[in-house]
C-alpha atoms as a PDB file:
ATOM      1  CA  MET A   1     -56.886  -3.119  11.244  1.00  0.00           C
ATOM      2  CA  LYS A   2     -56.763  -2.289  15.079  1.00  0.00           C
ATOM      3  CA  LYS A   3     -57.896  -4.726  17.475  1.00  0.00           C
ATOM      4  CA  CYS A   4     -57.958  -5.320  21.170  1.00  0.00           C
ATOM      5  CA  ILE A   5     -59.669  -7.449  23.454  1.00  0.00           C
ATOM      6  CA  GLY A   6     -60.747  -6.485  27.322  1.00  0.00           C
ATOM      7  CA  ARG A   7     -61.366  -9.612  29.048  1.00  0.00           C
ATOM      8  CA  ILE A   8     -63.054  -7.942  32.723  1.00  0.00           C
ATOM      9  CA  GLY A   9     -62.339 -10.751  34.882  1.00  0.00           C
ATOM     10  CA  ILE A  10     -61.454 -11.521  38.771  1.00  0.00           C
ATOM     11  CA  ALA A  11     -58.170 -10.297  38.501  1.00  0.00           C
ATOM     12  CA  VAL A  12     -59.277  -6.605  37.381  1.00  0.00           C
ATOM     13  CA  MET A  13     -62.347  -7.094  39.617  1.00  0.00           C
ATOM     14  CA  LEU A  14     -59.905  -7.654  42.744  1.00  0.00           C
ATOM     15  CA  SER A  15     -57.567  -4.485  41.738  1.00  0.00           C
ATOM     16  CA  ALA A  16     -58.168  -0.823  42.004  1.00  0.00           C
ATOM     17  CA  LEU A  17     -61.939  -0.732  40.146  1.00  0.00           C
ATOM     18  CA  ALA A  18     -63.275  -2.842  42.972  1.00  0.00           C
ATOM     19  CA  PHE A  19     -65.768  -0.225  44.490  1.00  0.00           C
ATOM     20  CA  LEU A  20     -66.663   2.291  41.908  1.00  0.00           C
ATOM     21  CA  PRO A  21     -69.978   4.302  42.479  1.00  0.00           C
ATOM     22  CA  LEU A  22     -70.965   4.106  38.541  1.00  0.00           C
ATOM     23  CA  PHE A  23     -74.637   3.171  39.020  1.00  0.00           C
ATOM     24  CA  GLY A  24     -75.592   5.699  41.403  1.00  0.00           C
ATOM     25  CA  ASN A  25     -74.924   3.881  44.892  1.00  0.00           C
ATOM     26  CA  THR A  26     -71.731   3.883  46.490  1.00  0.00           C
ATOM     27  CA  GLU A  27     -72.443   0.259  47.860  1.00  0.00           C
ATOM     28  CA  ASP A  28     -72.635  -1.348  44.639  1.00  0.00           C
ATOM     29  CA  GLU A  29     -69.991  -3.301  43.301  1.00  0.00           C
ATOM     30  CA  ALA A  30     -68.612  -2.140  39.839  1.00  0.00           C
ATOM     31  CA  SER A  31     -66.286  -2.628  37.079  1.00  0.00           C
ATOM     32  CA  SER A  32     -65.459  -0.517  33.934  1.00  0.00           C
ATOM     33  CA  LEU A  33     -63.686  -0.293  30.775  1.00  0.00           C
ATOM     34  CA  ARG A  34     -62.886   2.213  28.740  1.00  0.00           C
ATOM     35  CA  LYS A  35     -61.790   2.818  25.187  1.00  0.00           C
ATOM     36  CA  THR A  36     -61.211   5.631  23.001  1.00  0.00           C
ATOM     37  CA  PHE A  37     -60.438   5.776  19.092  1.00  0.00           C
ATOM     38  CA  ASN A  38     -59.674   8.483  16.667  1.00  0.00           C
ATOM     39  CA  VAL A  39     -61.905   8.727  13.441  1.00  0.00           C
ATOM     40  CA  SER A  40     -63.061  11.205  11.314  1.00  0.00           C
ATOM     41  CA  ALA A  41     -66.792  12.340  10.660  1.00  0.00           C
ATOM     42  CA  GLY A  42     -69.360  10.067   8.552  1.00  0.00           C
ATOM     43  CA  GLY A  43     -67.802   6.588   9.956  1.00  0.00           C
ATOM     44  CA  SER A  44     -70.040   4.064  12.006  1.00  0.00           C
ATOM     45  CA  LEU A  45     -70.075   2.282  15.236  1.00  0.00           C
ATOM     46  CA  THR A  46     -71.281  -0.869  15.561  1.00  0.00           C
ATOM     47  CA  ILE A  47     -72.150  -2.615  19.185  1.00  0.00           C
ATOM     48  CA  THR A  48     -73.264  -5.901  19.382  1.00  0.00           C
ATOM     49  CA  SER A  49     -73.866  -7.267  22.807  1.00  0.00           C
ATOM     50  CA  ASP A  50     -75.439 -10.308  24.724  1.00  0.00           C
ATOM     51  CA  ILE A  51     -76.500  -8.138  28.018  1.00  0.00           C
ATOM     52  CA  GLY A  52     -76.795  -4.363  28.581  1.00  0.00           C
ATOM     53  CA  SER A  53     -78.384  -1.158  27.800  1.00  0.00           C
ATOM     54  CA  ILE A  54     -76.401   1.347  25.452  1.00  0.00           C
ATOM     55  CA  ASP A  55     -76.440   5.137  25.656  1.00  0.00           C
ATOM     56  CA  VAL A  56     -74.837   6.973  22.513  1.00  0.00           C
ATOM     57  CA  ARG A  57     -74.431  10.785  22.914  1.00  0.00           C
ATOM     58  CA  SER A  58     -72.794  12.983  20.393  1.00  0.00           C
ATOM     59  CA  ALA A  59     -70.029  15.376  21.157  1.00  0.00           C
ATOM     60  CA  ALA A  60     -67.811  18.015  19.193  1.00  0.00           C
ATOM     61  CA  GLY A  61     -64.716  16.125  18.422  1.00  0.00           C
ATOM     62  CA  ASN A  62     -62.886  13.158  16.647  1.00  0.00           C
ATOM     63  CA  THR A  63     -63.134  10.235  18.901  1.00  0.00           C
ATOM     64  CA  VAL A  64     -65.322   7.296  19.972  1.00  0.00           C
ATOM     65  CA  ASP A  65     -65.490   6.888  23.612  1.00  0.00           C
ATOM     66  CA  VAL A  66     -66.462   3.793  24.782  1.00  0.00           C
ATOM     67  CA  ASP A  67     -67.216   2.999  28.656  1.00  0.00           C
ATOM     68  CA  VAL A  68     -67.969  -0.625  29.318  1.00  0.00           C
ATOM     69  CA  GLN A  69     -69.979  -0.679  33.275  1.00  0.00           C
ATOM     70  CA  ILE A  70     -70.879  -3.394  34.963  1.00  0.00           C
ATOM     71  CA  GLY A  71     -72.045  -3.262  38.421  1.00  0.00           C
ATOM     72  CA  GLY A  72     -73.978  -5.334  41.113  1.00  0.00           C
ATOM     73  CA  GLU A  73     -75.551  -5.405  44.550  1.00  0.00           C
ATOM     74  CA  GLU A  74     -73.342  -5.809  47.767  1.00  0.00           C
ATOM     75  CA  GLU A  75     -75.067  -9.141  48.214  1.00  0.00           C
ATOM     76  CA  SER A  76     -74.519 -10.440  44.481  1.00  0.00           C
ATOM     77  CA  ARG A  77     -70.355  -9.882  44.885  1.00  0.00           C
ATOM     78  CA  SER A  78     -69.739 -13.468  44.124  1.00  0.00           C
ATOM     79  CA  ARG A  79     -72.039 -13.631  41.588  1.00  0.00           C
ATOM     80  CA  LEU A  80     -70.585 -10.443  39.626  1.00  0.00           C
ATOM     81  CA  LYS A  81     -67.287 -12.153  39.841  1.00  0.00           C
ATOM     82  CA  SER A  82     -68.342 -15.091  38.296  1.00  0.00           C
ATOM     83  CA  PHE A  83     -69.904 -13.486  35.433  1.00  0.00           C
ATOM     84  CA  LEU A  84     -66.991 -11.190  34.983  1.00  0.00           C
ATOM     85  CA  ARG A  85     -65.226 -14.440  34.480  1.00  0.00           C
ATOM     86  CA  ASP A  86     -67.074 -15.269  31.663  1.00  0.00           C
ATOM     87  CA  PHE A  87     -67.862 -11.873  29.771  1.00  0.00           C
ATOM     88  CA  GLU A  88     -65.587 -10.745  26.922  1.00  0.00           C
ATOM     89  CA  VAL A  89     -65.510  -7.436  25.075  1.00  0.00           C
ATOM     90  CA  ASP A  90     -63.563  -7.175  21.828  1.00  0.00           C
ATOM     91  CA  PHE A  91     -62.775  -3.897  20.298  1.00  0.00           C
ATOM     92  CA  GLN A  92     -61.691  -3.354  16.488  1.00  0.00           C
ATOM     93  CA  GLN A  93     -60.957  -0.747  14.434  1.00  0.00           C
ATOM     94  CA  THR A  94     -61.155  -0.177  10.685  1.00  0.00           C
ATOM     95  CA  GLY A  95     -60.482   3.281   9.328  1.00  0.00           C
ATOM     96  CA  ASN A  96     -63.236   5.475  10.701  1.00  0.00           C
ATOM     97  CA  ASP A  97     -65.223   2.360  11.918  1.00  0.00           C
ATOM     98  CA  VAL A  98     -65.753   0.744  15.557  1.00  0.00           C
ATOM     99  CA  ILE A  99     -66.701  -2.437  16.298  1.00  0.00           C
ATOM    100  CA  VAL A 100     -67.938  -3.525  19.991  1.00  0.00           C
ATOM    101  CA  THR A 101     -68.817  -7.225  20.563  1.00  0.00           C
ATOM    102  CA  ALA A 102     -69.745  -8.116  24.088  1.00  0.00           C
ATOM    103  CA  ASP A 103     -70.108 -11.885  24.656  1.00  0.00           C
ATOM    104  CA  TYR A 104     -71.338 -13.922  27.871  1.00  0.00           C
ATOM    105  CA  HIS A 105     -69.840 -17.485  27.315  1.00  0.00           C
ATOM    106  CA  ARG A 106     -72.413 -19.174  29.499  1.00  0.00           C
ATOM    107  CA  ASP A 107     -75.758 -21.050  28.786  1.00  0.00           C
ATOM    108  CA  GLY A 108     -78.481 -18.296  28.426  1.00  0.00           C
ATOM    109  CA  TRP A 109     -80.479 -20.125  31.145  1.00  0.00           C
ATOM    110  CA  ILE A 110     -77.974 -19.388  33.437  1.00  0.00           C
ATOM    111  CA  PHE A 111     -77.690 -16.233  32.624  1.00  0.00           C
ATOM    112  CA  ASP A 112     -81.416 -15.364  32.787  1.00  0.00           C
ATOM    113  CA  ASP A 113     -81.567 -17.058  36.290  1.00  0.00           C
ATOM    114  CA  TRP A 114     -78.570 -16.138  37.898  1.00  0.00           C
ATOM    115  CA  PHE A 115     -77.312 -13.063  36.440  1.00  0.00           C
ATOM    116  CA  GLY A 116     -80.114 -10.746  35.071  1.00  0.00           C
ATOM    117  CA  ARG A 117     -81.326  -9.547  38.487  1.00  0.00           C
ATOM    118  CA  HIS A 118     -77.991  -9.156  40.027  1.00  0.00           C
ATOM    119  CA  VAL A 119     -75.547  -7.754  37.566  1.00  0.00           C
ATOM    120  CA  ARG A 120     -75.749  -4.544  35.456  1.00  0.00           C
ATOM    121  CA  VAL A 121     -74.171  -3.746  32.381  1.00  0.00           C
ATOM    122  CA  ARG A 122     -74.460  -0.598  30.727  1.00  0.00           C
ATOM    123  CA  PHE A 123     -72.644   0.768  27.481  1.00  0.00           C
ATOM    124  CA  LEU A 124     -71.790   4.830  27.721  1.00  0.00           C
ATOM    125  CA  VAL A 125     -70.838   5.985  24.307  1.00  0.00           C
ATOM    126  CA  THR A 126     -69.522   9.120  22.794  1.00  0.00           C
ATOM    127  CA  VAL A 127     -69.466   9.986  18.993  1.00  0.00           C
ATOM    128  CA  PRO A 128     -68.965  12.739  16.763  1.00  0.00           C
ATOM    129  CA  LEU A 129     -71.973  14.760  16.103  1.00  0.00           C
ATOM    130  CA  GLU A 130     -71.578  13.228  12.224  1.00  0.00           C
ATOM    131  CA  TYR A 131     -71.564   9.692  12.715  1.00  0.00           C
ATOM    132  CA  ASN A 132     -73.897   6.556  12.486  1.00  0.00           C
ATOM    133  CA  VAL A 133     -74.355   4.040  14.385  1.00  0.00           C
ATOM    134  CA  VAL A 134     -75.745   0.261  14.827  1.00  0.00           C
ATOM    135  CA  LEU A 135     -76.860  -1.152  17.867  1.00  0.00           C
ATOM    136  CA  LYS A 136     -78.412  -4.459  19.112  1.00  0.00           C
ATOM    137  CA  THR A 137     -78.357  -5.685  22.719  1.00  0.00           C
ATOM    138  CA  SER A 138     -80.196  -8.865  23.602  1.00  0.00           C
ATOM    139  CA  GLY A 139     -81.200  -7.049  27.026  1.00  0.00           C
ATOM    140  CA  GLY A 140     -81.439  -3.573  27.637  1.00  0.00           C
ATOM    141  CA  SER A 141     -82.659  -0.261  26.558  1.00  0.00           C
ATOM    142  CA  ILE A 142     -81.190   1.636  23.894  1.00  0.00           C
ATOM    143  CA  SER A 143     -81.180   5.609  23.728  1.00  0.00           C
ATOM    144  CA  VAL A 144     -79.380   7.764  21.065  1.00  0.00           C
ATOM    145  CA  SER A 145     -79.034  11.430  21.553  1.00  0.00           C
ATOM    146  CA  ASP A 146     -78.950  14.116  18.797  1.00  0.00           C
ATOM    147  CA  LEU A 147     -76.910  13.351  15.704  1.00  0.00           C
ATOM    148  CA  HIS A 148     -76.197  13.738  11.915  1.00  0.00           C
ATOM    149  CA  GLY A 149     -76.304  10.300  10.456  1.00  0.00           C
ATOM    150  CA  SER A 150     -78.174   7.025  10.299  1.00  0.00           C
ATOM    151  CA  VAL A 151     -79.782   4.833  13.219  1.00  0.00           C
ATOM    152  CA  ARG A 152     -80.241   0.936  13.703  1.00  0.00           C
ATOM    153  CA  ALA A 153     -81.191  -0.075  16.787  1.00  0.00           C
ATOM    154  CA  ASN A 154     -82.652  -3.479  17.757  1.00  0.00           C
ATOM    155  CA  THR A 155     -83.105  -4.848  21.482  1.00  0.00           C
ATOM    156  CA  SER A 156     -84.907  -8.068  22.900  1.00  0.00           C
ATOM    157  CA  GLY A 157     -85.808  -6.175  25.600  1.00  0.00           C
ATOM    158  CA  GLY A 158     -86.079  -2.763  26.859  1.00  0.00           C
ATOM    159  CA  SER A 159     -87.192   0.720  25.013  1.00  0.00           C
ATOM    160  CA  LEU A 160     -85.606   2.946  22.375  1.00  0.00           C
ATOM    161  CA  LYS A 161     -85.273   6.276  22.757  1.00  0.00           C
ATOM    162  CA  PHE A 162     -83.877   8.754  20.134  1.00  0.00           C
ATOM    163  CA  GLY A 163     -83.226  12.615  20.043  1.00  0.00           C
ATOM    164  CA  ALA A 164     -83.304  14.903  16.386  1.00  0.00           C
ATOM    165  CA  ILE A 165     -81.497  12.455  13.952  1.00  0.00           C
ATOM    166  CA  GLN A 166     -81.051  13.882  10.763  1.00  0.00           C
ATOM    167  CA  GLY A 167     -81.162  11.026   8.750  1.00  0.00           C
ATOM    168  CA  PRO A 168     -83.315   7.676   8.719  1.00  0.00           C
ATOM    169  CA  VAL A 169     -84.100   5.993  11.648  1.00  0.00           C
ATOM    170  CA  ILE A 170     -85.039   1.983  12.109  1.00  0.00           C
ATOM    171  CA  GLY A 171     -85.709   0.657  15.292  1.00  0.00           C
ATOM    172  CA  LYS A 172     -87.105  -2.712  16.843  1.00  0.00           C
ATOM    173  CA  THR A 173     -87.987  -3.818  20.520  1.00  0.00           C
ATOM    174  CA  SER A 174     -89.275  -7.182  21.613  1.00  0.00           C
ATOM    175  CA  GLY A 175     -90.912  -5.276  24.869  1.00  0.00           C
ATOM    176  CA  GLY A 176     -90.632  -1.563  25.274  1.00  0.00           C
ATOM    177  CA  SER A 177     -91.977   1.477  24.138  1.00  0.00           C
ATOM    178  CA  ILE A 178     -90.211   3.813  21.531  1.00  0.00           C
ATOM    179  CA  ARG A 179     -89.649   7.547  21.405  1.00  0.00           C
ATOM    180  CA  LEU A 180     -88.378   9.576  18.586  1.00  0.00           C
ATOM    181  CA  GLU A 181     -87.852  13.375  18.836  1.00  0.00           C
ATOM    182  CA  ALA A 182     -87.027  13.804  15.232  1.00  0.00           C
ATOM    183  CA  SER A 183     -86.073  12.628  12.294  1.00  0.00           C
ATOM    184  CA  GLU A 184     -84.811  14.015   8.760  1.00  0.00           C
ATOM    185  CA  GLY A 185     -85.132  10.998   7.134  1.00  0.00           C
ATOM    186  CA  ASN A 186     -87.703   7.830   6.850  1.00  0.00           C
ATOM    187  CA  ALA A 187     -88.882   6.292  10.158  1.00  0.00           C
ATOM    188  CA  GLU A 188     -89.289   2.657  10.450  1.00  0.00           C
ATOM    189  CA  LEU A 189     -90.572   1.600  14.221  1.00  0.00           C
ATOM    190  CA  ASN A 190     -91.453  -1.822  15.451  1.00  0.00           C
ATOM    191  CA  THR A 191     -92.183  -3.003  19.218  1.00  0.00           C
ATOM    192  CA  SER A 192     -94.133  -5.970  20.333  1.00  0.00           C
ATOM    193  CA  GLY A 193     -95.091  -4.435  23.765  1.00  0.00           C
ATOM    194  CA  GLY A 194     -95.007  -0.729  23.835  1.00  0.00           C
ATOM    195  CA  SER A 195     -96.273   2.795  22.878  1.00  0.00           C
ATOM    196  CA  ILE A 196     -94.732   4.475  19.665  1.00  0.00           C
ATOM    197  CA  HIS A 197     -94.708   8.329  19.860  1.00  0.00           C
ATOM    198  CA  LEU A 198     -92.898  10.351  16.876  1.00  0.00           C
ATOM    199  CA  GLY A 199     -91.952  13.844  16.991  1.00  0.00           C
ATOM    200  CA  GLU A 200     -91.505  15.885  13.512  1.00  0.00           C
ATOM    201  CA  VAL A 201     -90.534  13.431  10.653  1.00  0.00           C
ATOM    202  CA  LYS A 202     -90.068  14.926   7.183  1.00  0.00           C
ATOM    203  CA  GLY A 203     -89.915  11.490   5.554  1.00  0.00           C
ATOM    204  CA  ASP A 204     -92.225   8.180   5.709  1.00  0.00           C
ATOM    205  CA  VAL A 205     -93.540   6.808   8.613  1.00  0.00           C
ATOM    206  CA  ARG A 206     -93.559   2.845   9.238  1.00  0.00           C
ATOM    207  CA  ALA A 207     -94.849   2.251  13.223  1.00  0.00           C
ATOM    208  CA  HIS A 208     -96.093  -0.902  14.516  1.00  0.00           C
ATOM    209  CA  THR A 209     -96.950  -1.986  17.699  1.00  0.00           C
ATOM    210  CA  SER A 210     -99.146  -5.144  19.161  1.00  0.00           C
ATOM    211  CA  GLY A 211     -99.671  -3.305  22.526  1.00  0.00           C
ATOM    212  CA  GLY A 212     -99.863   0.542  22.820  1.00  0.00           C
ATOM    213  CA  SER A 213    -100.696   3.390  21.322  1.00  0.00           C
ATOM    214  CA  ILE A 214     -99.366   5.404  18.349  1.00  0.00           C
ATOM    215  CA  GLU A 215     -98.911   9.286  18.281  1.00  0.00           C
ATOM    216  CA  ILE A 216     -97.068  10.913  14.968  1.00  0.00           C
ATOM    217  CA  ARG A 217     -97.013  14.472  15.985  1.00  0.00           C
ATOM    218  CA  GLU A 218     -95.772  15.855  12.539  1.00  0.00           C
ATOM    219  CA  THR A 219     -94.880  14.102   9.138  1.00  0.00           C
ATOM    220  CA  SER A 220     -94.384  15.143   5.586  1.00  0.00           C
ATOM    221  CA  GLY A 221     -94.233  11.468   4.334  1.00  0.00           C
ATOM    222  CA  THR A 222     -96.576   8.544   4.092  1.00  0.00           C
ATOM    223  CA  VAL A 223     -97.744   6.931   7.325  1.00  0.00           C
ATOM    224  CA  ASP A 224     -98.054   2.651   7.676  1.00  0.00           C
ATOM    225  CA  ALA A 225     -99.152   2.679  11.340  1.00  0.00           C
ATOM    226  CA  SER A 226    -100.833  -0.483  13.304  1.00  0.00           C
ATOM    227  CA  THR A 227    -101.677  -1.578  16.756  1.00  0.00           C
ATOM    228  CA  SER A 228    -103.432  -4.039  18.243  1.00  0.00           C
ATOM    229  CA  GLY A 229    -104.303  -2.149  21.529  1.00  0.00           C
ATOM    230  CA  GLY A 230    -104.437   1.672  21.568  1.00  0.00           C
ATOM    231  CA  PHE A 231    -105.257   4.560  19.760  1.00  0.00           C
ATOM    232  CA  ILE A 232    -103.696   6.280  16.955  1.00  0.00           C
ATOM    233  CA  ASN A 233    -103.201   9.936  16.510  1.00  0.00           C
ATOM    234  CA  ALA A 234    -100.810  11.318  13.389  1.00  0.00           C
ATOM    235  CA  ALA A 235    -100.970  14.632  11.936  1.00  0.00           C
ATOM    236  CA  LEU A 236    -100.048  15.008   7.939  1.00  0.00           C
ATOM    237  CA  THR A 237     -98.626  18.423   7.623  1.00  0.00           C
ATOM    238  CA  GLU A 238     -97.654  18.261   3.659  1.00  0.00           C
ATOM    239  CA  GLN A 239     -99.703  16.705   0.736  1.00  0.00           C
ATOM    240  CA  PRO A 240     -98.431  12.814   0.847  1.00  0.00           C
ATOM    241  CA  LYS A 241     -97.046  11.215  -2.339  1.00  0.00           C
ATOM    242  CA  GLY A 242     -98.386   7.860  -1.563  1.00  0.00           C
ATOM    243  CA  ASN A 243    -101.422   5.953   0.051  1.00  0.00           C
ATOM    244  CA  CYS A 244    -101.622   6.162   3.809  1.00  0.00           C
ATOM    245  CA  ARG A 245    -102.878   3.422   6.326  1.00  0.00           C
ATOM    246  CA  LEU A 246    -104.130   3.404   9.878  1.00  0.00           C
ATOM    247  CA  THR A 247    -105.539   0.585  11.841  1.00  0.00           C
ATOM    248  CA  THR A 248    -106.238  -0.500  15.130  1.00  0.00           C
ATOM    249  CA  SER A 249    -108.167  -3.201  17.125  1.00  0.00           C
ATOM    250  CA  GLY A 250    -108.899  -1.224  20.372  1.00  0.00           C
ATOM    251  CA  GLY A 251    -108.491   2.340  20.108  1.00  0.00           C
ATOM    252  CA  SER A 252    -109.852   5.401  18.366  1.00  0.00           C
ATOM    253  CA  ILE A 253    -108.389   7.121  15.382  1.00  0.00           C
ATOM    254  CA  THR A 254    -107.705  10.727  14.889  1.00  0.00           C
ATOM    255  CA  VAL A 255    -105.924  12.289  11.660  1.00  0.00           C
ATOM    256  CA  THR A 256    -104.977  15.928  11.625  1.00  0.00           C
ATOM    257  CA  LEU A 257    -104.777  17.133   7.912  1.00  0.00           C
ATOM    258  CA  ALA A 258    -102.947  20.427   7.017  1.00  0.00           C
ATOM    259  CA  GLU A 259    -105.618  22.941   5.349  1.00  0.00           C
ATOM    260  CA  ARG A 260    -104.754  21.724   1.669  1.00  0.00           C
ATOM    261  CA  VAL A 261    -104.031  18.090   2.019  1.00  0.00           C
ATOM    262  CA  GLY A 262    -105.826  16.296  -1.114  1.00  0.00           C
ATOM    263  CA  ILE A 263    -106.917  12.422   0.156  1.00  0.00           C
ATOM    264  CA  TYR A 264    -109.405   9.890  -0.928  1.00  0.00           C
ATOM    265  CA  VAL A 265    -110.578   8.992   2.506  1.00  0.00           C
ATOM    266  CA  ASP A 266    -111.835   5.140   2.984  1.00  0.00           C
ATOM    267  CA  ALA A 267    -112.867   4.876   6.612  1.00  0.00           C
ATOM    268  CA  SER A 268    -114.851   2.222   8.817  1.00  0.00           C
ATOM    269  CA  THR A 269    -115.217   1.214  12.230  1.00  0.00           C
ATOM    270  CA  SER A 270    -117.366  -1.283  14.050  1.00  0.00           C
ATOM    271  CA  GLY A 271    -117.271   0.315  17.467  1.00  0.00           C
ATOM    272  CA  GLY A 272    -118.027   4.185  17.367  1.00  0.00           C
ATOM    273  CA  HIS A 273    -118.493   6.985  14.705  1.00  0.00           C
ATOM    274  CA  VAL A 274    -116.452   8.422  11.741  1.00  0.00           C
ATOM    275  CA  SER A 275    -116.637  12.668  11.988  1.00  0.00           C
ATOM    276  CA  THR A 276    -114.743  15.031   9.759  1.00  0.00           C
ATOM    277  CA  ASP A 277    -114.127  18.685  10.021  1.00  0.00           C
ATOM    278  CA  PHE A 278    -113.611  18.801   6.110  1.00  0.00           C
ATOM    279  CA  PRO A 279    -117.122  19.768   3.596  1.00  0.00           C
ATOM    280  CA  ILE A 280    -117.763  16.250   1.888  1.00  0.00           C
ATOM    281  CA  THR A 281    -120.237  15.338  -1.081  1.00  0.00           C
ATOM    282  CA  VAL A 282    -121.578  11.946  -0.117  1.00  0.00           C
ATOM    283  CA  GLN A 283    -123.933  10.152  -2.472  1.00  0.00           C
ATOM    284  CA  GLY A 284    -126.461   7.635  -1.310  1.00  0.00           C
ATOM    285  CA  GLU A 285    -127.200   7.029   2.351  1.00  0.00           C
ATOM    286  CA  ILE A 286    -125.022   8.523   5.213  1.00  0.00           C
ATOM    287  CA  ASP A 287    -123.473   6.090   7.707  1.00  0.00           C
ATOM    288  CA  LYS A 288    -121.985   7.328  10.799  1.00  0.00           C
ATOM    289  CA  HIS A 289    -119.696   4.187  10.930  1.00  0.00           C
ATOM    290  CA  HIS A 290    -118.595   4.460   6.823  1.00  0.00           C
ATOM    291  CA  LEU A 291    -116.808   7.418   5.086  1.00  0.00           C
ATOM    292  CA  ARG A 292    -115.337   7.144   1.727  1.00  0.00           C
ATOM    293  CA  ALA A 293    -115.013  10.706   0.425  1.00  0.00           C
ATOM    294  CA  GLU A 294    -112.724  13.005  -1.196  1.00  0.00           C
ATOM    295  CA  ILE A 295    -111.400  15.765   0.612  1.00  0.00           C
ATOM    296  CA  ASN A 296    -109.664  18.854  -1.204  1.00  0.00           C
ATOM    297  CA  GLY A 297    -110.383  17.293  -4.802  1.00  0.00           C
ATOM    298  CA  GLY A 298    -109.133  13.796  -3.447  1.00  0.00           C
ATOM    299  CA  GLY A 299    -105.393  12.229  -4.141  1.00  0.00           C
ATOM    300  CA  PRO A 300    -103.559   9.024  -2.551  1.00  0.00           C
ATOM    301  CA  ASP A 301    -105.940   6.833  -0.381  1.00  0.00           C
ATOM    302  CA  LEU A 302    -105.998   7.398   3.509  1.00  0.00           C
ATOM    303  CA  TYR A 303    -107.398   3.900   4.960  1.00  0.00           C
ATOM    304  CA  LEU A 304    -108.575   4.148   8.075  1.00  0.00           C
ATOM    305  CA  ARG A 305    -109.932   1.184  10.222  1.00  0.00           C
ATOM    306  CA  THR A 306    -110.804   0.340  13.954  1.00  0.00           C
ATOM    307  CA  SER A 307    -112.590  -2.198  15.370  1.00  0.00           C
ATOM    308  CA  GLY A 308    -113.277  -0.355  19.090  1.00  0.00           C
ATOM    309  CA  GLY A 309    -113.149   3.118  18.753  1.00  0.00           C
ATOM    310  CA  SER A 310    -114.117   6.275  16.608  1.00  0.00           C
ATOM    311  CA  ILE A 311    -112.488   7.941  13.672  1.00  0.00           C
ATOM    312  CA  HIS A 312    -112.078  11.676  13.618  1.00  0.00           C
ATOM    313  CA  LEU A 313    -110.622  13.883  10.669  1.00  0.00           C
ATOM    314  CA  LYS A 314    -109.715  17.292  12.176  1.00  0.00           C
ATOM    315  CA  ARG A 315    -108.728  20.357  10.263  1.00  0.00           C
ATOM    316  CA  MET A 316    -105.087  21.825  11.037  1.00  0.00           C
END
């Protein structure tokens, strides 16, 4: 096991790193800690930090390059120096795996009240294209560019952004939006306060938000999506192998189906109407607020519920 600890303290701060324009402002005071690890494809990067945003990019090569950037505004210089004395970054390498742990050794309330608005921490990381990442921060956004591997990302206060991921994606944030360009595997995304936008997902989708809309541009798997305050749009491009469930308390639901997808629709709304582009046979009285019928001979259940909008079934 290889292990090295980078202590970013006041001694470093007063050296040649004192005024680096790392955050787009030449008047900012900043410090940086850089490490490079030789690895092979298929390994994993784990970052756990008490503060900061994380930006992971992939590139050709067999190294993991970690750049920890720390900066503050000119008037916050004394607070920045104090922060650096209590901020420690630990690096470990085992085989092809790299682990980065960043700890702030002060009480949380001091951190929030004094440093959160005056100090910026950012992890800029480059990994091989075929690599896996596990990322966690207690205060910042997370982004991962195109990657051939699995992605797990968790933040307590920021957005999540993923490129084209050739593997499963699990993302959770307590306060931000989530965007996924594409995934070759399953996608499980949760946010307590933001919208969720997915591009092409070739696996199953699990998407839940307490305060935003959900848009799934294209999926060939099952869908389980819910929101308490927004619309849901989803497109099923292939026959789902299991039941699908889409629910919202404050918006409309639009599901676009490929021509030959067979499902059993169970749709109900208390604040709008239900419409469909597909021919259906209904027994008994027609109710514009409810629809239970087979489409293309039936199949897995498509459960749709909204309390504050309409439901539309559209042909692709």
